[in-house]
Structure formats: C-alpha cells, structure tokens
N, C-alpha and C. Protein backbone atom coordinates (compact mmCIF):
# COMPACT_ATOMS: atom_id res chain seq x y z
N UNK A 1 8.26 -13.41 -4.85
CA UNK A 1 8.29 -11.69 -4.81
C UNK A 1 6.31 -11.28 -3.50
N UNK A 2 7.03 -10.42 -2.70
CA UNK A 2 5.97 -9.86 -1.80
C UNK A 2 4.24 -9.88 -1.90
N UNK A 3 3.73 -10.84 -0.62
CA UNK A 3 2.53 -10.80 -1.30
C UNK A 3 1.61 -9.01 -1.19
N UNK A 4 0.32 -9.14 -1.71
CA UNK A 4 0.09 -8.46 -1.83
C UNK A 4 -1.81 -7.97 -1.89
N UNK A 5 -2.03 -8.39 -0.54
CA UNK A 5 -3.52 -8.73 -0.36
C UNK A 5 -4.47 -7.93 -1.51
N UNK A 6 -4.11 -7.01 -1.41
CA UNK A 6 -5.16 -5.54 -0.97
C UNK A 6 -6.75 -5.90 -0.57
N UNK A 7 -6.21 -6.12 0.73
CA UNK A 7 -7.28 -6.24 1.19
C UNK A 7 -8.56 -5.81 1.51
N UNK A 8 -9.13 -5.55 2.25
CA UNK A 8 -10.16 -4.31 2.63
C UNK A 8 -10.80 -4.63 3.79
N UNK A 9 -10.70 -4.30 5.55
CA UNK A 9 -11.52 -4.77 6.36
C UNK A 9 -10.09 -4.19 7.45
N UNK A 10 -10.46 -4.88 8.27
CA UNK A 10 -9.79 -4.16 10.12
C UNK A 10 -8.45 -4.81 10.08
N UNK A 11 -6.73 -4.59 9.82
CA UNK A 11 -5.99 -5.33 9.84
C UNK A 11 -6.38 -5.01 11.54
N UNK A 12 -5.11 -6.26 11.75
CA UNK A 12 -4.85 -7.13 13.50
C UNK A 12 -6.49 -5.97 14.22
N UNK A 13 -6.97 -6.23 13.90
CA UNK A 13 -8.58 -6.13 14.40
C UNK A 13 -7.93 -5.39 15.90
N UNK A 14 -7.87 -3.76 15.27
CA UNK A 14 -7.70 -2.64 15.85
C UNK A 14 -9.39 -2.47 16.12
N UNK A 15 -9.73 -3.36 16.36
CA UNK A 15 -11.37 -2.85 16.86
C UNK A 15 -12.34 -1.48 15.66
N UNK A 16 -12.86 -0.76 16.12
CA UNK A 16 -13.15 0.92 15.27
C UNK A 16 -12.88 1.73 14.64
N UNK A 17 -11.37 2.02 15.10
CA UNK A 17 -10.29 3.18 14.82
C UNK A 17 -10.31 2.98 14.14
N UNK A 18 -10.44 1.54 13.00
CA UNK A 18 -10.42 1.35 11.34
C UNK A 18 -8.47 1.36 11.15
N UNK A 19 -7.40 1.98 12.72
CA UNK A 19 -6.09 1.71 11.76
C UNK A 19 -4.98 0.86 12.36
N UNK A 20 -5.25 0.19 12.24
CA UNK A 20 -3.83 -1.24 13.52
C UNK A 20 -3.34 0.09 14.59
N UNK A 21 -2.80 -0.01 15.49
CA UNK A 21 -1.86 0.24 16.52
C UNK A 21 -1.80 1.71 15.84
N UNK A 22 -2.68 2.46 15.72
CA UNK A 22 -2.98 3.86 15.16
C UNK A 22 -3.99 4.60 16.14
N UNK A 23 -4.81 4.56 17.80
CA UNK A 23 -5.24 4.10 17.71
C UNK A 23 -6.17 5.57 18.61
N UNK A 24 -4.48 6.32 19.40
CA UNK A 24 -4.32 7.56 19.94
C UNK A 24 -2.59 7.66 20.26
N UNK A 25 -3.00 9.26 20.07
CA UNK A 25 -1.28 9.74 20.74
C UNK A 25 -1.53 9.49 22.34
N UNK A 26 -0.26 9.56 22.60
CA UNK A 26 0.93 8.85 23.22
C UNK A 26 2.31 8.92 23.85
N UNK A 27 2.78 9.32 24.52
CA UNK A 27 4.72 9.15 24.43
C UNK A 27 4.59 10.79 24.35
N UNK A 28 5.89 10.00 23.73
CA UNK A 28 6.50 12.48 23.65
C UNK A 28 6.70 13.07 22.54
N UNK A 29 6.16 14.01 22.60
CA UNK A 29 6.65 14.52 20.90
C UNK A 29 7.58 13.83 20.66
N UNK A 30 8.30 14.16 19.61
CA UNK A 30 9.69 13.28 18.54
C UNK A 30 9.39 15.00 17.54
N UNK A 31 11.18 14.78 17.52
CA UNK A 31 11.81 15.42 16.80
C UNK A 31 10.80 16.31 15.54
N UNK A 32 9.94 15.74 14.62
CA UNK A 32 9.81 15.80 12.88
C UNK A 32 8.42 15.18 13.03
N UNK A 33 7.78 15.16 14.92
CA UNK A 33 5.99 14.82 14.51
C UNK A 33 6.41 14.35 16.17
N UNK A 34 5.29 13.31 16.51
CA UNK A 34 4.57 13.17 17.24
C UNK A 34 5.03 11.63 17.42
N UNK A 35 5.97 10.98 18.28
CA UNK A 35 5.87 9.84 18.57
C UNK A 35 5.41 9.09 19.19
N UNK A 36 5.36 7.94 19.05
CA UNK A 36 3.83 6.75 19.90
C UNK A 36 4.01 6.07 20.81
N UNK A 37 4.50 5.42 21.75
CA UNK A 37 5.08 4.26 22.27
C UNK A 37 3.33 3.54 23.01
N UNK A 38 2.54 3.35 21.62
CA UNK A 38 0.94 2.35 22.06
C UNK A 38 1.19 1.60 21.22
N UNK A 39 1.86 1.12 21.32
CA UNK A 39 1.93 -0.28 20.82
C UNK A 39 0.18 -0.31 19.48
N UNK A 40 0.43 -2.11 19.70
CA UNK A 40 -0.61 -2.56 18.76
C UNK A 40 0.16 -2.79 17.44
N UNK A 41 -0.31 -3.79 16.48
CA UNK A 41 -0.59 -4.77 15.40
C UNK A 41 -0.95 -4.89 14.21
N UNK A 42 0.37 -5.60 13.74
CA UNK A 42 0.04 -4.92 12.12
C UNK A 42 -1.56 -6.17 11.59
N UNK A 43 -1.09 -5.72 9.78
CA UNK A 43 -2.39 -7.17 9.54
C UNK A 43 -2.36 -8.23 9.81
N UNK A 44 -1.27 -8.63 9.88
CA UNK A 44 -0.04 -10.26 10.44
C UNK A 44 -0.01 -10.83 11.91
N UNK A 45 0.09 -9.70 12.27
CA UNK A 45 -0.34 -9.67 14.02
C UNK A 45 1.27 -8.91 14.50
N UNK A 46 2.35 -8.92 14.18
CA UNK A 46 2.85 -8.75 13.89
C UNK A 46 3.08 -7.22 14.74
N UNK A 47 4.29 -7.18 15.46
CA UNK A 47 3.56 -5.87 17.18
C UNK A 47 4.76 -4.89 15.82
N UNK A 48 3.69 -3.92 16.54
CA UNK A 48 3.65 -2.83 16.73
C UNK A 48 5.15 -1.07 17.88
N UNK A 49 5.94 -1.31 17.34
CA UNK A 49 6.80 -1.30 18.87
C UNK A 49 6.49 0.91 18.53
N UNK A 50 6.52 1.20 17.84
CA UNK A 50 6.43 3.13 18.21
C UNK A 50 5.62 3.12 16.45
N UNK A 51 4.82 4.49 17.16
CA UNK A 51 3.88 4.99 15.31
C UNK A 51 4.17 6.75 15.72
N UNK A 52 5.15 7.23 14.32
CA UNK A 52 4.23 9.08 14.00
C UNK A 52 3.52 9.46 13.79
N UNK A 53 3.29 10.51 13.54
CA UNK A 53 1.88 10.61 12.93
C UNK A 53 2.41 12.59 12.77
N UNK A 54 1.78 12.83 11.05
CA UNK A 54 2.13 13.69 10.47
C UNK A 54 0.68 14.12 10.26
N UNK A 55 0.24 15.08 10.33
CA UNK A 55 -0.59 16.20 9.87
C UNK A 55 -1.26 16.28 8.92
N UNK A 56 -1.52 15.88 7.12
CA UNK A 56 -1.32 16.84 5.81
C UNK A 56 -2.79 17.67 5.40
N UNK A 57 -3.44 17.46 6.69
CA UNK A 57 -5.35 18.69 6.11
C UNK A 57 -4.16 19.41 5.54
N UNK A 58 -4.40 19.99 4.39
CA UNK A 58 -4.74 21.88 3.61
C UNK A 58 -3.30 21.73 3.74
N UNK A 59 -2.01 21.01 4.02
CA UNK A 59 -0.53 21.49 3.73
C UNK A 59 -0.35 21.31 2.18
N UNK A 60 0.35 22.84 1.74
CA UNK A 60 1.16 22.47 0.65
C UNK A 60 2.37 21.54 0.90
N UNK A 61 2.96 20.65 -0.97
CA UNK A 61 3.92 19.85 -0.90
C UNK A 61 3.86 18.77 -0.01
N UNK A 62 2.62 17.86 0.14
CA UNK A 62 2.55 17.36 1.19
C UNK A 62 3.10 15.76 0.96
N UNK A 63 3.52 15.44 -0.27
CA UNK A 63 4.58 14.68 -1.21
C UNK A 63 6.02 14.08 -0.06
N UNK A 64 6.51 15.90 -0.87
CA UNK A 64 8.08 16.01 0.31
C UNK A 64 7.91 16.75 1.97
N UNK A 65 7.13 16.52 1.92
CA UNK A 65 7.10 16.67 3.79
C UNK A 65 6.84 15.72 4.30
N UNK A 66 5.50 14.23 3.34
CA UNK A 66 5.85 12.97 3.70
C UNK A 66 7.37 12.26 4.27
N UNK A 67 7.56 12.29 3.07
CA UNK A 67 8.83 12.20 3.01
C UNK A 67 10.27 12.33 3.56
N UNK A 68 10.37 13.88 3.94
CA UNK A 68 11.12 14.19 5.07
C UNK A 68 10.89 13.68 6.53
N UNK A 69 9.57 13.64 6.91
CA UNK A 69 9.25 12.98 7.84
C UNK A 69 9.72 11.13 8.04
N UNK A 70 9.24 10.61 7.54
CA UNK A 70 9.32 9.89 7.01
C UNK A 70 10.82 9.70 6.91
N UNK A 71 11.98 9.71 6.72
CA UNK A 71 14.06 10.53 6.66
C UNK A 71 13.72 10.41 7.93
N UNK A 72 13.32 10.91 9.14
CA UNK A 72 13.19 11.66 10.11
C UNK A 72 13.18 10.09 11.24
N UNK A 73 11.89 9.81 11.19
CA UNK A 73 11.57 8.73 11.30
C UNK A 73 12.77 7.01 11.39
N UNK A 74 13.30 7.25 9.88
CA UNK A 74 14.01 6.12 9.82
C UNK A 74 14.91 6.24 10.68
N UNK A 75 15.05 7.52 10.42
CA UNK A 75 17.41 7.92 10.45
C UNK A 75 16.74 7.56 13.13
N UNK A 76 16.07 8.34 13.09
CA UNK A 76 16.05 7.92 14.67
C UNK A 76 16.05 6.15 15.02
N UNK A 77 14.61 5.66 13.95
CA UNK A 77 14.89 4.17 13.78
C UNK A 77 15.82 3.41 14.21
N UNK A 78 17.07 4.31 13.76
CA UNK A 78 17.98 3.36 13.29
C UNK A 78 18.51 2.59 11.69
N UNK A 79 17.48 2.97 10.77
CA UNK A 79 17.40 2.84 9.70
C UNK A 79 18.59 3.34 8.61
N UNK A 80 18.63 4.63 8.63
CA UNK A 80 19.48 5.41 8.51
C UNK A 80 20.11 5.94 9.03
N UNK A 81 21.33 6.42 8.48
CA UNK A 81 22.11 6.18 7.60
C UNK A 81 22.21 4.58 7.62
N UNK A 82 22.47 4.08 6.58
CA UNK A 82 22.18 1.80 6.15
C UNK A 82 23.64 2.01 6.17
N UNK A 83 23.68 1.31 6.92
CA UNK A 83 25.32 0.07 6.95
C UNK A 83 25.35 -0.32 5.97
N UNK A 84 24.73 -0.79 5.34
CA UNK A 84 25.12 -1.99 3.46
C UNK A 84 23.70 -1.89 2.65
N UNK A 85 24.59 -1.86 1.87
CA UNK A 85 23.10 -1.71 0.52
C UNK A 85 22.22 -2.64 0.88
N UNK A 86 21.91 -3.69 1.78
CA UNK A 86 20.14 -3.86 1.54
C UNK A 86 20.01 -3.01 2.85
N UNK A 87 19.74 -2.37 3.76
CA UNK A 87 20.11 -1.52 4.29
C UNK A 87 19.23 -0.01 3.46
N UNK A 88 19.95 0.12 3.09
CA UNK A 88 19.62 1.30 2.29
C UNK A 88 18.55 1.08 1.08
N UNK A 89 18.67 0.07 0.21
CA UNK A 89 16.64 -0.38 -0.43
C UNK A 89 16.19 -0.53 0.46
N UNK A 90 16.25 -0.95 1.33
CA UNK A 90 14.83 -1.29 2.52
C UNK A 90 14.28 0.11 2.68
N UNK A 91 14.79 0.95 3.23
CA UNK A 91 14.64 2.66 3.95
C UNK A 91 14.15 3.73 1.74
N UNK A 92 15.27 3.04 1.44
CA UNK A 92 14.83 3.65 0.51
C UNK A 92 13.81 3.29 0.03
N UNK A 93 13.17 1.52 -0.50
CA UNK A 93 11.99 1.45 -1.19
C UNK A 93 10.93 2.11 0.35
N UNK A 94 10.66 2.48 1.95
CA UNK A 94 10.36 2.79 2.38
C UNK A 94 9.26 4.67 2.12
N UNK A 95 10.64 4.70 1.78
CA UNK A 95 10.55 5.72 1.24
C UNK A 95 9.89 6.79 -0.73
N UNK A 96 9.87 5.31 -1.11
CA UNK A 96 9.52 5.62 -2.65
C UNK A 96 7.81 5.42 -2.41
N UNK A 97 7.79 4.14 -1.59
CA UNK A 97 5.98 3.73 -1.11
C UNK A 97 5.11 5.12 -0.12
N UNK A 98 6.55 6.00 1.09
CA UNK A 98 5.29 7.18 1.13
C UNK A 98 4.72 8.15 -0.11
N UNK A 99 5.33 7.89 -0.58
CA UNK A 99 5.88 9.42 -2.41
C UNK A 99 4.17 8.41 -2.57
N UNK A 100 5.06 7.12 -3.21
CA UNK A 100 3.42 7.11 -3.91
C UNK A 100 1.46 6.87 -3.32
N UNK A 101 1.50 6.18 -1.77
CA UNK A 101 0.61 6.68 -1.09
C UNK A 101 0.45 8.43 -1.13
N UNK A 102 0.72 9.00 -1.03
CA UNK A 102 0.69 10.25 -0.51
C UNK A 102 0.38 11.04 -1.92
N UNK A 103 1.07 10.67 -3.15
CA UNK A 103 0.63 11.05 -4.01
C UNK A 103 -0.47 10.50 -4.32
N UNK A 104 -1.50 9.58 -4.27
CA UNK A 104 -1.76 9.05 -5.07
C UNK A 104 -3.64 9.85 -3.87
N UNK A 105 -3.46 10.09 -2.52
CA UNK A 105 -4.12 10.13 -1.83
C UNK A 105 -4.71 11.90 -2.73
N UNK A 106 -3.97 12.60 -3.01
CA UNK A 106 -3.19 13.98 -3.67
C UNK A 106 -4.20 13.77 -4.67
N UNK A 107 -3.95 12.72 -5.89
CA UNK A 107 -4.52 12.50 -7.09
C UNK A 107 -5.74 12.17 -7.17
N UNK A 108 -6.23 11.61 -6.22
CA UNK A 108 -7.22 10.59 -6.34
C UNK A 108 -8.17 11.17 -4.94
N UNK A 109 -8.17 10.93 -3.74
CA UNK A 109 -8.70 11.72 -2.83
C UNK A 109 -8.96 12.52 -1.59
N UNK A 110 -9.32 13.75 -3.05
CA UNK A 110 -9.37 15.38 -1.68
C UNK A 110 -8.05 15.07 -0.96
N UNK A 111 -6.78 14.21 -1.53
CA UNK A 111 -5.32 14.72 -0.38
C UNK A 111 -5.73 13.83 1.22
N UNK A 112 -4.39 13.77 1.53
CA UNK A 112 -4.15 13.62 2.26
C UNK A 112 -4.24 14.07 3.82
N UNK A 113 -5.04 13.13 4.97
CA UNK A 113 -5.66 13.77 5.81
C UNK A 113 -4.20 13.77 7.55
N UNK A 114 -3.50 12.61 7.16
CA UNK A 114 -2.22 11.61 8.29
C UNK A 114 -1.38 11.02 7.29
N UNK A 115 -0.57 10.93 8.01
CA UNK A 115 0.21 10.09 7.56
C UNK A 115 0.47 9.05 8.90
N UNK A 116 1.24 8.12 8.94
CA UNK A 116 1.63 7.25 9.94
C UNK A 116 2.01 5.89 10.44
N UNK A 117 4.05 5.77 10.32
CA UNK A 117 4.17 5.33 10.49
C UNK A 117 4.50 4.86 11.64
N UNK A 118 4.51 3.31 11.49
CA UNK A 118 4.09 2.74 12.66
C UNK A 118 5.45 1.82 12.25
N UNK A 119 6.49 1.34 13.54
CA UNK A 119 8.02 1.06 13.09
C UNK A 119 7.70 -0.22 14.03
N UNK A 120 7.58 -1.86 13.83
CA UNK A 120 8.59 -3.10 14.75
C UNK A 120 9.83 -3.19 14.49
N UNK A 121 9.67 -5.22 15.26
CA UNK A 121 11.61 -4.84 15.28
C UNK A 121 10.84 -5.91 13.85
N UNK A 122 10.17 -5.84 13.10
CA UNK A 122 10.24 -6.43 11.75
C UNK A 122 9.45 -6.04 10.63
N UNK A 123 8.94 -5.37 11.17
CA UNK A 123 8.64 -4.57 9.61
C UNK A 123 7.51 -3.25 10.01
N UNK A 124 7.75 -2.08 9.06
CA UNK A 124 7.81 -0.59 8.79
C UNK A 124 5.75 -1.20 8.50
N UNK A 125 5.09 0.03 9.02
CA UNK A 125 4.39 -0.41 8.89
C UNK A 125 3.41 1.76 7.92
N UNK A 126 3.24 1.67 7.35
CA UNK A 126 2.42 3.22 6.69
C UNK A 126 1.05 3.35 6.71
N UNK A 127 0.37 3.89 6.98
CA UNK A 127 -1.05 4.67 6.71
C UNK A 127 -1.38 5.60 6.18
N UNK A 128 -2.11 6.12 5.30
CA UNK A 128 -2.53 7.38 4.60
C UNK A 128 -3.71 7.55 5.43
N UNK A 129 -4.39 8.75 5.80
CA UNK A 129 -5.70 8.88 5.68
C UNK A 129 -6.49 9.73 5.30
N UNK A 130 -7.59 9.26 4.55
CA UNK A 130 -7.77 10.23 3.89
C UNK A 130 -9.15 10.48 4.03
N UNK A 131 -10.05 11.11 2.74
CA UNK A 131 -11.15 11.61 3.25
C UNK A 131 -12.10 10.86 2.10
N UNK A 132 -11.40 10.51 0.48
CA UNK A 132 -11.96 9.53 -0.84
C UNK A 132 -12.68 8.43 0.24
N UNK A 133 -13.71 8.51 -1.37
CA UNK A 133 -14.55 6.92 -1.20
C UNK A 133 -14.09 5.95 -1.91
N UNK A 134 -12.44 6.08 -3.11
CA UNK A 134 -12.80 5.15 -3.35
C UNK A 134 -11.29 4.04 -3.22
N UNK A 135 -11.43 3.51 -4.48
CA UNK A 135 -9.72 2.13 -3.66
C UNK A 135 -9.14 1.91 -4.27
N UNK A 136 -7.91 2.36 -4.29
CA UNK A 136 -6.54 2.12 -4.68
C UNK A 136 -6.80 0.94 -5.22
N UNK A 137 -6.38 0.60 -6.21
CA UNK A 137 -5.67 -0.26 -7.34
C UNK A 137 -4.59 -0.78 -8.04
N UNK A 138 -4.08 -1.47 -8.40
CA UNK A 138 -2.89 -1.26 -9.50
C UNK A 138 -3.93 -1.37 -10.76
N UNK A 139 -3.26 -0.49 -11.40
CA UNK A 139 -3.53 -1.12 -12.65
C UNK A 139 -3.64 -2.20 -13.53
N UNK A 140 -4.80 -2.52 -14.13
CA UNK A 140 -4.87 -4.14 -15.28
C UNK A 140 -5.07 -3.81 -16.32
N UNK A 141 -4.91 -4.17 -17.08
CA UNK A 141 -3.64 -4.61 -17.28
C UNK A 141 -2.07 -3.60 -16.86
N UNK A 142 -0.65 -3.75 -16.49
CA UNK A 142 0.22 -2.81 -15.83
C UNK A 142 1.01 -2.43 -17.34
N UNK A 143 1.79 -1.74 -17.58
CA UNK A 143 1.29 -0.66 -18.73
C UNK A 143 2.39 -0.37 -18.84
N UNK A 144 3.83 -1.02 -18.90
CA UNK A 144 5.29 -0.01 -18.72
C UNK A 144 5.55 1.38 -18.75
N UNK A 145 5.31 0.90 -20.29
CA UNK A 145 6.19 1.61 -20.97
C UNK A 145 5.60 2.97 -21.37
N UNK A 146 4.38 3.20 -19.99
CA UNK A 146 2.78 4.48 -20.25
C UNK A 146 2.68 4.56 -19.70
N UNK A 147 2.86 6.40 -19.54
CA UNK A 147 3.08 7.55 -18.11
C UNK A 147 1.64 6.78 -16.95
N UNK A 148 2.11 7.36 -16.03
CA UNK A 148 0.63 7.60 -15.11
C UNK A 148 0.37 6.18 -14.33
N UNK A 149 0.23 6.16 -13.45
CA UNK A 149 -0.77 4.86 -13.86
C UNK A 149 0.38 3.32 -12.69
N UNK A 150 1.40 3.39 -11.92
CA UNK A 150 2.36 2.98 -11.45
C UNK A 150 2.45 3.51 -9.87
N UNK A 151 1.11 3.51 -9.25
CA UNK A 151 2.04 3.73 -8.11
C UNK A 151 1.43 3.16 -7.02
N UNK A 152 0.62 1.95 -7.25
CA UNK A 152 -0.27 0.84 -6.59
C UNK A 152 0.85 -0.07 -6.63
N UNK A 153 1.11 -0.34 -8.39
CA UNK A 153 1.66 -1.48 -9.24
C UNK A 153 3.31 -1.00 -8.04
N UNK A 154 3.55 -0.05 -8.07
CA UNK A 154 5.23 0.21 -7.44
C UNK A 154 4.86 -0.54 -5.47
N UNK A 155 3.36 -0.03 -5.37
CA UNK A 155 3.39 -0.81 -3.77
C UNK A 155 3.40 -1.69 -3.87
N UNK A 156 2.77 -2.64 -4.27
CA UNK A 156 1.95 -3.86 -4.34
C UNK A 156 3.60 -4.79 -5.01
N UNK A 157 4.44 -3.84 -5.35
CA UNK A 157 6.02 -4.26 -5.52
C UNK A 157 6.67 -5.49 -4.10
N UNK A 158 7.17 -3.33 -4.25
CA UNK A 158 7.67 -3.24 -2.67
C UNK A 158 7.02 -3.99 -1.33
N UNK A 159 6.55 -4.62 -1.62
CA UNK A 159 5.75 -4.15 -0.23
C UNK A 159 5.66 -5.99 0.82
N UNK A 160 4.80 -6.14 1.94
CA UNK A 160 5.02 -7.45 2.01
C UNK A 160 3.19 -7.74 2.19
N UNK A 161 2.48 -6.21 1.49
CA UNK A 161 0.80 -6.30 2.43
C UNK A 161 0.47 -5.33 1.95
N UNK A 162 -0.34 -5.34 1.27
CA UNK A 162 -1.53 -3.17 1.10
C UNK A 162 -1.80 -3.94 2.09
N UNK A 163 -3.27 -2.99 2.39
CA UNK A 163 -4.85 -2.75 1.87
C UNK A 163 -5.77 -1.50 2.27
N UNK A 164 -7.13 -1.84 2.24
CA UNK A 164 -7.45 -0.47 2.60
C UNK A 164 -8.67 -0.40 4.12
N UNK A 165 -8.56 -0.23 4.15
CA UNK A 165 -9.86 0.23 5.81
C UNK A 165 -10.67 2.09 6.48
N UNK A 166 -11.89 0.61 5.24
CA UNK A 166 -12.81 2.01 5.89
C UNK A 166 -13.04 2.66 6.92
N UNK A 167 -13.10 4.19 6.93
CA UNK A 167 -14.04 4.81 8.08
C UNK A 167 -15.23 3.90 8.32
N UNK A 168 -15.06 3.73 9.36
CA UNK A 168 -16.47 3.32 10.33
C UNK A 168 -17.47 4.49 11.20
N UNK A 169 -17.07 5.22 10.95
CA UNK A 169 -17.84 6.50 11.35
C UNK A 169 -18.73 7.42 10.16
N UNK A 170 -18.20 7.14 9.06
CA UNK A 170 -17.86 8.11 8.26
C UNK A 170 -17.87 8.70 6.87
N UNK A 171 -17.35 9.15 5.98
CA UNK A 171 -16.28 9.17 4.95
C UNK A 171 -14.75 8.64 5.48
N UNK A 172 -13.87 8.10 4.12
CA UNK A 172 -12.87 8.54 4.13
C UNK A 172 -12.72 6.51 4.36
N UNK A 173 -11.12 6.74 4.43
CA UNK A 173 -10.33 5.58 4.72
C UNK A 173 -8.80 5.99 5.14
N UNK A 174 -8.39 4.45 4.83
CA UNK A 174 -6.87 4.19 6.16
C UNK A 174 -6.51 3.07 4.41
N UNK A 175 -4.94 3.98 3.98
CA UNK A 175 -4.43 2.95 2.72
C UNK A 175 -3.49 2.23 3.64
N UNK A 176 -2.84 1.39 4.44
CA UNK A 176 -2.12 1.34 4.74
C UNK A 176 -0.97 -0.36 3.78
N UNK A 177 -0.30 0.03 4.22
CA UNK A 177 1.14 -0.71 3.48
C UNK A 177 2.48 -1.74 4.29
N UNK A 178 2.90 -2.22 4.92
CA UNK A 178 3.69 -3.03 5.25
C UNK A 178 5.35 -3.18 4.60
N UNK A 179 6.17 -3.23 5.18
CA UNK A 179 7.51 -3.41 4.09
C UNK A 179 8.53 -4.15 5.42
N UNK A 180 9.30 -5.06 5.21
CA UNK A 180 10.05 -5.26 5.87
C UNK A 180 11.17 -4.38 6.58
N UNK A 181 11.81 -4.69 7.94
CA UNK A 181 12.26 -4.46 8.26
C UNK A 181 14.31 -5.14 7.78
N UNK A 182 14.74 -4.45 7.37
CA UNK A 182 16.27 -3.87 6.57
C UNK A 182 16.16 -5.91 7.66
N UNK A 183 17.76 -6.19 7.16
CA UNK A 183 18.28 -6.90 8.49
C UNK A 183 19.86 -6.97 8.92
C-alpha cells in the first residue's frame, strides 16, 4: 500500500517558501495556466521539472476548474491520452486526488487560493494553497458505508505520500500530495 505520512514540515528543503519547487513562476505560460521550468524537489528529493499554477482565490466552480487545468497539464506532459489501462488509471487517480484536495479546501479552509501541479520523471506533485488554519487528516475510524469524510482517506490510499506545510509568514498552508508517474 502506498505510504502516507501526512507529515507536517517543509518538504524537499525548499527554504522559506513552504512549497517545494514552486517558489517563483518562470518560463512561458502554457495554454491552460502558467508553466514553469523552475525545478525543485519532492518530499523525498525526487526532481520536479515543470510546475503549473492556477489561481483559485474567489472563483466559482473551483473543483471542475482545477480538474480541467490538471487534465490539460496531463495531456501536455503525455499522461493523456493513455496508451494502457495502467496509464489511464494513474491519470484518473491524479484527477480524483485534485478533486478531493480542492473540495477539502472549499469545505474546511475558506476555499483554495492556488493549485500547483508539478511533473517529474517518476512522480507528479499536487499542491493546494489555502488560508485555513486546520490540518486535514483521514477520519478515523474510517466508515466506508457513511456519506462524507472520505476525501483524505482516498488521498492517503492513492498517493505515495502527502502532507501539510504551514505558511511561515502568516496564515494558511499548502497541502501536498505525490503520485507515481505511469509506467
């Protein structure tokens, strides 16, 4: 089963930005948002080559907008259209995790501020920035038959790792999740 520490801290030693590999936009804007070749690293030091950002502060329809933005990034990076069932499942997992993280920010953290999607050779990193003070955690015990409360359980099950980084300069946090790239 994929590990999920749910760790709080600064992943990848990104310094004071609080978000690994996404401290400043550079590069040319892509067709669905901003693209960046700024580099960076994941929580386990895996390199991230490109980061795309989508501002979500104050927008309506944040969840479908985030999914569409991520789907376009996956297409641009060659994850979609998928050539195999495993590749299709990996892309669907990414879209589901984006939906769960953005929904969580909408319900529990005054809404998302920004979505960052980072691509590396072996991992895809998702980051949701919000102004909330709470920390997401899977509901325990998990009750599969009850409605609601499944979002972070799904994230925990699908991701290699995930966690929370507090904004060192004030309120808010970045919730990050990493998924394996398809073979």
